[in-house]
């Protein structure tokens, strides 16, 4: 995720930047109008201020999450409704993880995120929400501990928080955002930029086509190694999924992943 993905702040939208960059100062040979060149200069000045906003989000996230302790992140579609099997699965696996001493982290929104926070709250566990400010505003669900609700403008800062402070990822059926978090984690583990941690896919029927494609297309063409599918496990049972994560830490230290 690039910085361009973040939702612009009020200050960014109304910053008035003068025309400062002559055509001769651009390295590119692509012909552009002076208005387009001014746009590059405008972006450059905004980016200098954006650095401070990024830093602020990192500091706030690090300070809050480093004080919470072992948690598991649960991902899935924001569009899933209560009563859907995936909603109930998220709710149940969260409760099972809480019974083993883990807190629950979600993206803070509705759907499966709500289900997981709800399961944590009902089991008297820690319930964390990392909400994202987006144009179609995502409202935080009501099952998050108020002192553990963080809001982010930058997707990439939020993703660092998920990976750094999660002792496991539980991934339920979802869309692009869910896939983004899944493959981000697998990439960081594969490249050893992060410590190994359990990644559990729940809802085997949903994931079957993707896993078949990974093995019969991606692997056969040499784009992943034969051992790479071992970076994740599959379960349809909340108790089994929670047990897989708990058992992993009987042999590995519990600490931030990088």
C-alpha atoms as a PDB file:
ATOM      1  CA  UNK A   1       0.000   0.000   0.000  1.00  0.00           C
ATOM      2  CA  UNK A   2       1.396   3.364  -1.000  1.00  0.00           C
ATOM      3  CA  UNK A   3       1.016   6.718   0.741  1.00  0.00           C
ATOM      4  CA  UNK A   4      -1.350   7.740  -2.061  1.00  0.00           C
ATOM      5  CA  UNK A   5      -3.901   5.314  -0.571  1.00  0.00           C
ATOM      6  CA  UNK A   6      -4.506   7.406   2.548  1.00  0.00           C
ATOM      7  CA  UNK A   7      -7.491   9.670   2.979  1.00  0.00           C
ATOM      8  CA  UNK A   8      -6.334  13.310   2.706  1.00  0.00           C
ATOM      9  CA  UNK A   9      -6.660  15.425   5.792  1.00  0.00           C
ATOM     10  CA  UNK A  10      -8.484  18.750   5.960  1.00  0.00           C
ATOM     11  CA  UNK A  11      -5.132  20.546   5.891  1.00  0.00           C
ATOM     12  CA  UNK A  12      -3.971  18.671   2.774  1.00  0.00           C
ATOM     13  CA  UNK A  13      -7.136  19.448   0.867  1.00  0.00           C
ATOM     14  CA  UNK A  14      -6.941  23.180   1.503  1.00  0.00           C
ATOM     15  CA  UNK A  15      -3.201  23.809   1.328  1.00  0.00           C
ATOM     16  CA  UNK A  16      -2.535  26.629  -1.158  1.00  0.00           C
ATOM     17  CA  UNK A  17       0.861  26.117  -2.808  1.00  0.00           C
ATOM     18  CA  UNK A  18       2.373  28.660  -5.207  1.00  0.00           C
ATOM     19  CA  UNK A  19       3.879  27.808  -8.569  1.00  0.00           C
ATOM     20  CA  UNK A  20       7.549  27.304  -7.670  1.00  0.00           C
ATOM     21  CA  UNK A  21       8.990  24.658  -9.942  1.00  0.00           C
ATOM     22  CA  UNK A  22      10.176  25.714 -13.429  1.00  0.00           C
ATOM     23  CA  UNK A  23       9.958  23.179 -16.240  1.00  0.00           C
ATOM     24  CA  UNK A  24      13.747  23.036 -16.430  1.00  0.00           C
ATOM     25  CA  UNK A  25      13.968  21.531 -12.913  1.00  0.00           C
ATOM     26  CA  UNK A  26      12.103  18.337 -13.779  1.00  0.00           C
ATOM     27  CA  UNK A  27      14.336  15.399 -14.722  1.00  0.00           C
ATOM     28  CA  UNK A  28      11.694  13.650 -16.829  1.00  0.00           C
ATOM     29  CA  UNK A  29      11.600  14.279 -20.574  1.00  0.00           C
ATOM     30  CA  UNK A  30       7.825  13.820 -20.633  1.00  0.00           C
ATOM     31  CA  UNK A  31       6.154  17.013 -21.827  1.00  0.00           C
ATOM     32  CA  UNK A  32       3.838  18.557 -19.249  1.00  0.00           C
ATOM     33  CA  UNK A  33       2.037  21.840 -18.881  1.00  0.00           C
ATOM     34  CA  UNK A  34       3.143  24.310 -16.220  1.00  0.00           C
ATOM     35  CA  UNK A  35      -0.056  23.485 -14.326  1.00  0.00           C
ATOM     36  CA  UNK A  36       0.921  19.807 -14.246  1.00  0.00           C
ATOM     37  CA  UNK A  37       4.445  20.668 -13.128  1.00  0.00           C
ATOM     38  CA  UNK A  38       3.012  22.858 -10.386  1.00  0.00           C
ATOM     39  CA  UNK A  39       1.026  19.827  -9.256  1.00  0.00           C
ATOM     40  CA  UNK A  40       4.271  17.912  -8.675  1.00  0.00           C
ATOM     41  CA  UNK A  41       5.626  20.763  -6.582  1.00  0.00           C
ATOM     42  CA  UNK A  42       2.372  20.971  -4.644  1.00  0.00           C
ATOM     43  CA  UNK A  43       2.589  17.240  -3.869  1.00  0.00           C
ATOM     44  CA  UNK A  44       6.216  17.563  -2.776  1.00  0.00           C
ATOM     45  CA  UNK A  45       5.419  20.253  -0.221  1.00  0.00           C
ATOM     46  CA  UNK A  46       2.387  18.362   1.091  1.00  0.00           C
ATOM     47  CA  UNK A  47       4.513  15.220   1.459  1.00  0.00           C
ATOM     48  CA  UNK A  48       6.967  17.042   3.719  1.00  0.00           C
ATOM     49  CA  UNK A  49       4.118  17.841   6.117  1.00  0.00           C
ATOM     50  CA  UNK A  50       2.620  14.371   5.674  1.00  0.00           C
ATOM     51  CA  UNK A  51       5.780  12.873   7.192  1.00  0.00           C
ATOM     52  CA  UNK A  52       4.800  14.324  10.578  1.00  0.00           C
ATOM     53  CA  UNK A  53       1.301  12.853  10.378  1.00  0.00           C
ATOM     54  CA  UNK A  54       2.743   9.449   9.521  1.00  0.00           C
ATOM     55  CA  UNK A  55       5.176   9.692  12.432  1.00  0.00           C
ATOM     56  CA  UNK A  56       2.353  10.614  14.783  1.00  0.00           C
ATOM     57  CA  UNK A  57       0.339   7.551  13.782  1.00  0.00           C
ATOM     58  CA  UNK A  58       3.330   5.266  14.285  1.00  0.00           C
ATOM     59  CA  UNK A  59       4.075   6.699  17.745  1.00  0.00           C
ATOM     60  CA  UNK A  60       0.439   6.465  18.873  1.00  0.00           C
ATOM     61  CA  UNK A  61       0.117   2.900  17.568  1.00  0.00           C
ATOM     62  CA  UNK A  62       3.388   1.703  19.075  1.00  0.00           C
ATOM     63  CA  UNK A  63       2.648   3.257  22.473  1.00  0.00           C
ATOM     64  CA  UNK A  64      -0.858   1.800  22.678  1.00  0.00           C
ATOM     65  CA  UNK A  65      -0.314  -1.702  21.313  1.00  0.00           C
ATOM     66  CA  UNK A  66       2.997  -2.342  23.075  1.00  0.00           C
ATOM     67  CA  UNK A  67       1.159  -2.072  26.407  1.00  0.00           C
ATOM     68  CA  UNK A  68      -1.609  -4.566  25.599  1.00  0.00           C
ATOM     69  CA  UNK A  69       0.213  -7.886  25.373  1.00  0.00           C
ATOM     70  CA  UNK A  70      -0.380 -11.019  23.262  1.00  0.00           C
ATOM     71  CA  UNK A  71      -3.208 -10.654  20.741  1.00  0.00           C
ATOM     72  CA  UNK A  72      -4.455 -12.383  17.612  1.00  0.00           C
ATOM     73  CA  UNK A  73      -5.767 -10.428  14.617  1.00  0.00           C
ATOM     74  CA  UNK A  74      -8.974 -11.622  12.974  1.00  0.00           C
ATOM     75  CA  UNK A  75      -9.808 -10.522   9.417  1.00  0.00           C
ATOM     76  CA  UNK A  76     -12.822 -10.900   7.155  1.00  0.00           C
ATOM     77  CA  UNK A  77     -15.441  -9.048   5.160  1.00  0.00           C
ATOM     78  CA  UNK A  78     -17.033  -5.863   6.468  1.00  0.00           C
ATOM     79  CA  UNK A  79     -20.169  -6.858   4.522  1.00  0.00           C
ATOM     80  CA  UNK A  80     -20.954 -10.040   6.443  1.00  0.00           C
ATOM     81  CA  UNK A  81     -24.174  -9.815   8.459  1.00  0.00           C
ATOM     82  CA  UNK A  82     -25.055 -11.245  11.844  1.00  0.00           C
ATOM     83  CA  UNK A  83     -26.426 -14.756  11.435  1.00  0.00           C
ATOM     84  CA  UNK A  84     -24.157 -15.564   8.498  1.00  0.00           C
ATOM     85  CA  UNK A  85     -22.037 -18.680   9.242  1.00  0.00           C
ATOM     86  CA  UNK A  86     -18.831 -16.667   8.783  1.00  0.00           C
ATOM     87  CA  UNK A  87     -20.024 -14.045  11.292  1.00  0.00           C
ATOM     88  CA  UNK A  88     -20.714 -16.727  13.868  1.00  0.00           C
ATOM     89  CA  UNK A  89     -17.390 -18.408  13.102  1.00  0.00           C
ATOM     90  CA  UNK A  90     -15.542 -15.153  13.758  1.00  0.00           C
ATOM     91  CA  UNK A  91     -17.439 -14.623  16.989  1.00  0.00           C
ATOM     92  CA  UNK A  92     -16.700 -18.146  18.190  1.00  0.00           C
ATOM     93  CA  UNK A  93     -12.999 -18.227  17.318  1.00  0.00           C
ATOM     94  CA  UNK A  94     -12.493 -14.909  19.111  1.00  0.00           C
ATOM     95  CA  UNK A  95     -14.053 -16.332  22.274  1.00  0.00           C
ATOM     96  CA  UNK A  96     -11.914 -19.473  21.978  1.00  0.00           C
ATOM     97  CA  UNK A  97      -8.752 -17.383  21.682  1.00  0.00           C
ATOM     98  CA  UNK A  98      -9.726 -15.234  24.667  1.00  0.00           C
ATOM     99  CA  UNK A  99     -10.196 -18.403  26.745  1.00  0.00           C
ATOM    100  CA  UNK A 100      -6.530 -19.154  26.020  1.00  0.00           C
ATOM    101  CA  UNK A 101      -5.382 -15.743  27.170  1.00  0.00           C
ATOM    102  CA  UNK A 102      -5.140 -13.833  23.884  1.00  0.00           C
ATOM    103  CA  UNK A 103      -6.647 -10.447  23.158  1.00  0.00           C
ATOM    104  CA  UNK A 104      -8.360  -9.802  19.830  1.00  0.00           C
ATOM    105  CA  UNK A 105      -7.388  -7.179  17.241  1.00  0.00           C
ATOM    106  CA  UNK A 106      -9.584  -6.334  14.248  1.00  0.00           C
ATOM    107  CA  UNK A 107      -9.891  -3.584  11.677  1.00  0.00           C
ATOM    108  CA  UNK A 108     -12.539  -2.051  13.903  1.00  0.00           C
ATOM    109  CA  UNK A 109     -15.401  -2.009  11.424  1.00  0.00           C
ATOM    110  CA  UNK A 110     -18.606  -3.988  10.850  1.00  0.00           C
ATOM    111  CA  UNK A 111     -19.095  -7.533   9.568  1.00  0.00           C
ATOM    112  CA  UNK A 112     -16.583 -10.139  10.665  1.00  0.00           C
ATOM    113  CA  UNK A 113     -14.567  -7.449  12.438  1.00  0.00           C
ATOM    114  CA  UNK A 114     -17.601  -6.720  14.579  1.00  0.00           C
ATOM    115  CA  UNK A 115     -18.167 -10.432  15.147  1.00  0.00           C
ATOM    116  CA  UNK A 116     -14.618 -10.930  16.413  1.00  0.00           C
ATOM    117  CA  UNK A 117     -14.711  -7.898  18.724  1.00  0.00           C
ATOM    118  CA  UNK A 118     -18.096  -9.064  19.941  1.00  0.00           C
ATOM    119  CA  UNK A 119     -16.793 -12.548  20.705  1.00  0.00           C
ATOM    120  CA  UNK A 120     -13.906 -11.030  22.640  1.00  0.00           C
ATOM    121  CA  UNK A 121     -16.205  -8.713  24.623  1.00  0.00           C
ATOM    122  CA  UNK A 122     -18.640 -11.546  25.448  1.00  0.00           C
ATOM    123  CA  UNK A 123     -15.730 -13.673  26.706  1.00  0.00           C
ATOM    124  CA  UNK A 124     -14.461 -10.763  28.862  1.00  0.00           C
ATOM    125  CA  UNK A 125     -11.289 -10.451  26.813  1.00  0.00           C
ATOM    126  CA  UNK A 126      -9.286  -7.575  25.393  1.00  0.00           C
ATOM    127  CA  UNK A 127     -10.981  -6.135  22.293  1.00  0.00           C
ATOM    128  CA  UNK A 128      -8.856  -3.868  20.062  1.00  0.00           C
ATOM    129  CA  UNK A 129      -9.947  -1.988  16.933  1.00  0.00           C
ATOM    130  CA  UNK A 130      -7.636  -0.415  14.358  1.00  0.00           C
ATOM    131  CA  UNK A 131     -10.105   1.665  12.392  1.00  0.00           C
ATOM    132  CA  UNK A 132      -9.294   3.308   9.050  1.00  0.00           C
ATOM    133  CA  UNK A 133     -10.549   6.707   7.898  1.00  0.00           C
ATOM    134  CA  UNK A 134     -11.759   6.268   4.320  1.00  0.00           C
ATOM    135  CA  UNK A 135     -14.025   8.331   2.018  1.00  0.00           C
ATOM    136  CA  UNK A 136     -16.922   5.941   2.626  1.00  0.00           C
ATOM    137  CA  UNK A 137     -16.510   6.351   6.346  1.00  0.00           C
ATOM    138  CA  UNK A 138     -16.084   3.119   8.283  1.00  0.00           C
ATOM    139  CA  UNK A 139     -17.761   3.470  11.663  1.00  0.00           C
ATOM    140  CA  UNK A 140     -16.146   1.616  14.537  1.00  0.00           C
ATOM    141  CA  UNK A 141     -18.247  -1.236  15.904  1.00  0.00           C
ATOM    142  CA  UNK A 142     -19.548  -0.981  19.497  1.00  0.00           C
ATOM    143  CA  UNK A 143     -17.654  -4.005  20.879  1.00  0.00           C
ATOM    144  CA  UNK A 144     -14.192  -2.409  21.015  1.00  0.00           C
ATOM    145  CA  UNK A 145     -12.655  -1.332  24.333  1.00  0.00           C
ATOM    146  CA  UNK A 146     -12.783   2.464  24.176  1.00  0.00           C
ATOM    147  CA  UNK A 147      -9.186   2.867  25.330  1.00  0.00           C
ATOM    148  CA  UNK A 148      -8.066   0.436  22.625  1.00  0.00           C
ATOM    149  CA  UNK A 149      -9.701   2.032  19.594  1.00  0.00           C
ATOM    150  CA  UNK A 150      -7.192   3.643  17.226  1.00  0.00           C
ATOM    151  CA  UNK A 151      -7.978   5.456  13.981  1.00  0.00           C
ATOM    152  CA  UNK A 152      -5.594   5.707  11.042  1.00  0.00           C
ATOM    153  CA  UNK A 153      -5.437   7.798   7.890  1.00  0.00           C
ATOM    154  CA  UNK A 154      -2.664   5.663   6.424  1.00  0.00           C
ATOM    155  CA  UNK A 155      -3.289   2.041   5.490  1.00  0.00           C
ATOM    156  CA  UNK A 156       0.403   1.186   5.564  1.00  0.00           C
ATOM    157  CA  UNK A 157       0.841   2.379   9.177  1.00  0.00           C
ATOM    158  CA  UNK A 158      -2.183   0.330  10.211  1.00  0.00           C
ATOM    159  CA  UNK A 159      -0.767  -2.751   8.497  1.00  0.00           C
ATOM    160  CA  UNK A 160       2.482  -2.422  10.436  1.00  0.00           C
ATOM    161  CA  UNK A 161       0.484  -2.499  13.673  1.00  0.00           C
ATOM    162  CA  UNK A 162      -1.372  -5.658  12.674  1.00  0.00           C
ATOM    163  CA  UNK A 163       1.766  -7.577  11.775  1.00  0.00           C
ATOM    164  CA  UNK A 164       4.042  -6.308  14.543  1.00  0.00           C
ATOM    165  CA  UNK A 165       1.736  -6.970  17.480  1.00  0.00           C
ATOM    166  CA  UNK A 166      -0.228 -10.065  16.391  1.00  0.00           C
ATOM    167  CA  UNK A 167       0.693 -13.511  17.655  1.00  0.00           C
ATOM    168  CA  UNK A 168      -1.410 -14.962  14.877  1.00  0.00           C
ATOM    169  CA  UNK A 169      -3.682 -14.117  11.960  1.00  0.00           C
ATOM    170  CA  UNK A 170      -7.092 -15.753  11.636  1.00  0.00           C
ATOM    171  CA  UNK A 171      -8.486 -15.011   8.180  1.00  0.00           C
ATOM    172  CA  UNK A 172     -12.145 -15.578   7.376  1.00  0.00           C
ATOM    173  CA  UNK A 173     -13.930 -15.034   4.045  1.00  0.00           C
ATOM    174  CA  UNK A 174     -13.455 -11.497   2.787  1.00  0.00           C
ATOM    175  CA  UNK A 175     -12.610  -9.279  -0.155  1.00  0.00           C
ATOM    176  CA  UNK A 176      -9.637  -7.265  -1.387  1.00  0.00           C
ATOM    177  CA  UNK A 177      -8.748  -5.875   2.045  1.00  0.00           C
ATOM    178  CA  UNK A 178      -8.740  -9.340   3.592  1.00  0.00           C
ATOM    179  CA  UNK A 179      -6.556 -10.695   0.789  1.00  0.00           C
ATOM    180  CA  UNK A 180      -4.223  -7.740   1.184  1.00  0.00           C
ATOM    181  CA  UNK A 181      -3.662  -8.480   4.883  1.00  0.00           C
ATOM    182  CA  UNK A 182      -3.255 -12.213   4.213  1.00  0.00           C
ATOM    183  CA  UNK A 183      -0.652 -11.914   1.484  1.00  0.00           C
ATOM    184  CA  UNK A 184       1.181  -9.112   3.284  1.00  0.00           C
ATOM    185  CA  UNK A 185       1.686 -11.452   6.249  1.00  0.00           C
ATOM    186  CA  UNK A 186       2.697 -14.411   4.086  1.00  0.00           C
ATOM    187  CA  UNK A 187       5.181 -12.257   2.150  1.00  0.00           C
ATOM    188  CA  UNK A 188       6.816 -10.896   5.300  1.00  0.00           C
ATOM    189  CA  UNK A 189       7.109 -14.379   6.808  1.00  0.00           C
ATOM    190  CA  UNK A 190       8.353 -15.878   3.527  1.00  0.00           C
ATOM    191  CA  UNK A 191      11.050 -13.213   3.156  1.00  0.00           C
ATOM    192  CA  UNK A 192      11.920 -13.385   6.874  1.00  0.00           C
ATOM    193  CA  UNK A 193      11.142  -9.707   7.383  1.00  0.00           C
ATOM    194  CA  UNK A 194       8.888 -10.915  10.186  1.00  0.00           C
ATOM    195  CA  UNK A 195       9.168 -13.728  12.675  1.00  0.00           C
ATOM    196  CA  UNK A 196       7.066 -16.777  11.848  1.00  0.00           C
ATOM    197  CA  UNK A 197       3.590 -16.660  13.366  1.00  0.00           C
ATOM    198  CA  UNK A 198       0.502 -18.827  12.760  1.00  0.00           C
ATOM    199  CA  UNK A 199      -1.777 -17.888   9.857  1.00  0.00           C
ATOM    200  CA  UNK A 200      -5.084 -19.766   9.929  1.00  0.00           C
ATOM    201  CA  UNK A 201      -7.617 -19.672   7.088  1.00  0.00           C
ATOM    202  CA  UNK A 202     -11.137 -20.436   8.257  1.00  0.00           C
ATOM    203  CA  UNK A 203     -13.912 -21.514   5.917  1.00  0.00           C
ATOM    204  CA  UNK A 204     -12.243 -24.206   3.827  1.00  0.00           C
ATOM    205  CA  UNK A 205     -14.840 -24.154   1.063  1.00  0.00           C
ATOM    206  CA  UNK A 206     -14.277 -20.423   0.515  1.00  0.00           C
ATOM    207  CA  UNK A 207     -10.498 -20.813   0.252  1.00  0.00           C
ATOM    208  CA  UNK A 208     -10.447 -24.022  -1.791  1.00  0.00           C
ATOM    209  CA  UNK A 209     -10.242 -22.366  -5.224  1.00  0.00           C
ATOM    210  CA  UNK A 210      -7.470 -19.987  -4.182  1.00  0.00           C
ATOM    211  CA  UNK A 211      -5.388 -22.739  -2.610  1.00  0.00           C
ATOM    212  CA  UNK A 212      -5.813 -24.956  -5.679  1.00  0.00           C
ATOM    213  CA  UNK A 213      -4.628 -22.056  -7.861  1.00  0.00           C
ATOM    214  CA  UNK A 214      -1.601 -21.432  -5.644  1.00  0.00           C
ATOM    215  CA  UNK A 215      -0.552 -25.052  -5.967  1.00  0.00           C
ATOM    216  CA  UNK A 216      -1.473 -25.818  -9.576  1.00  0.00           C
ATOM    217  CA  UNK A 217      -0.585 -22.494 -11.223  1.00  0.00           C
ATOM    218  CA  UNK A 218       1.659 -20.340  -9.064  1.00  0.00           C
ATOM    219  CA  UNK A 219       3.760 -23.180  -7.702  1.00  0.00           C
ATOM    220  CA  UNK A 220       3.935 -25.147 -10.966  1.00  0.00           C
ATOM    221  CA  UNK A 221       5.250 -22.048 -12.750  1.00  0.00           C
ATOM    222  CA  UNK A 222       7.951 -21.680 -10.118  1.00  0.00           C
ATOM    223  CA  UNK A 223       6.660 -18.427  -8.651  1.00  0.00           C
ATOM    224  CA  UNK A 224       6.485 -19.819  -5.113  1.00  0.00           C
ATOM    225  CA  UNK A 225       8.427 -22.633  -3.471  1.00  0.00           C
ATOM    226  CA  UNK A 226       6.879 -26.032  -2.675  1.00  0.00           C
ATOM    227  CA  UNK A 227       7.124 -25.281   1.059  1.00  0.00           C
ATOM    228  CA  UNK A 228       5.392 -21.885   0.854  1.00  0.00           C
ATOM    229  CA  UNK A 229       1.820 -23.233   1.269  1.00  0.00           C
ATOM    230  CA  UNK A 230       3.004 -24.553   4.637  1.00  0.00           C
ATOM    231  CA  UNK A 231       3.070 -20.936   5.849  1.00  0.00           C
ATOM    232  CA  UNK A 232      -0.676 -21.164   6.502  1.00  0.00           C
ATOM    233  CA  UNK A 233      -3.108 -23.737   7.892  1.00  0.00           C
ATOM    234  CA  UNK A 234      -6.809 -24.341   7.285  1.00  0.00           C
ATOM    235  CA  UNK A 235      -9.519 -25.043   9.830  1.00  0.00           C
ATOM    236  CA  UNK A 236     -13.294 -24.897  10.116  1.00  0.00           C
ATOM    237  CA  UNK A 237     -13.302 -25.445  13.884  1.00  0.00           C
ATOM    238  CA  UNK A 238     -12.894 -22.438  16.220  1.00  0.00           C
ATOM    239  CA  UNK A 239     -11.440 -24.559  18.999  1.00  0.00           C
ATOM    240  CA  UNK A 240      -8.942 -26.177  16.646  1.00  0.00           C
ATOM    241  CA  UNK A 241      -7.873 -22.826  15.212  1.00  0.00           C
ATOM    242  CA  UNK A 242      -7.328 -21.365  18.691  1.00  0.00           C
ATOM    243  CA  UNK A 243      -5.470 -24.490  19.773  1.00  0.00           C
ATOM    244  CA  UNK A 244      -3.133 -24.304  16.757  1.00  0.00           C
ATOM    245  CA  UNK A 245      -2.089 -20.795  17.745  1.00  0.00           C
ATOM    246  CA  UNK A 246      -1.807 -21.617  21.446  1.00  0.00           C
ATOM    247  CA  UNK A 247       0.291 -24.732  20.725  1.00  0.00           C
ATOM    248  CA  UNK A 248       2.678 -22.739  18.519  1.00  0.00           C
ATOM    249  CA  UNK A 249       3.642 -20.592  21.509  1.00  0.00           C
ATOM    250  CA  UNK A 250       4.460 -23.568  23.668  1.00  0.00           C
ATOM    251  CA  UNK A 251       7.537 -23.854  21.456  1.00  0.00           C
ATOM    252  CA  UNK A 252       8.129 -20.209  20.495  1.00  0.00           C
ATOM    253  CA  UNK A 253       8.604 -17.031  22.520  1.00  0.00           C
ATOM    254  CA  UNK A 254       5.749 -14.544  22.658  1.00  0.00           C
ATOM    255  CA  UNK A 255       7.033 -11.158  21.532  1.00  0.00           C
ATOM    256  CA  UNK A 256       6.478  -8.595  18.760  1.00  0.00           C
ATOM    257  CA  UNK A 257       7.232  -9.999  15.321  1.00  0.00           C
ATOM    258  CA  UNK A 258       9.916  -7.473  14.368  1.00  0.00           C
END
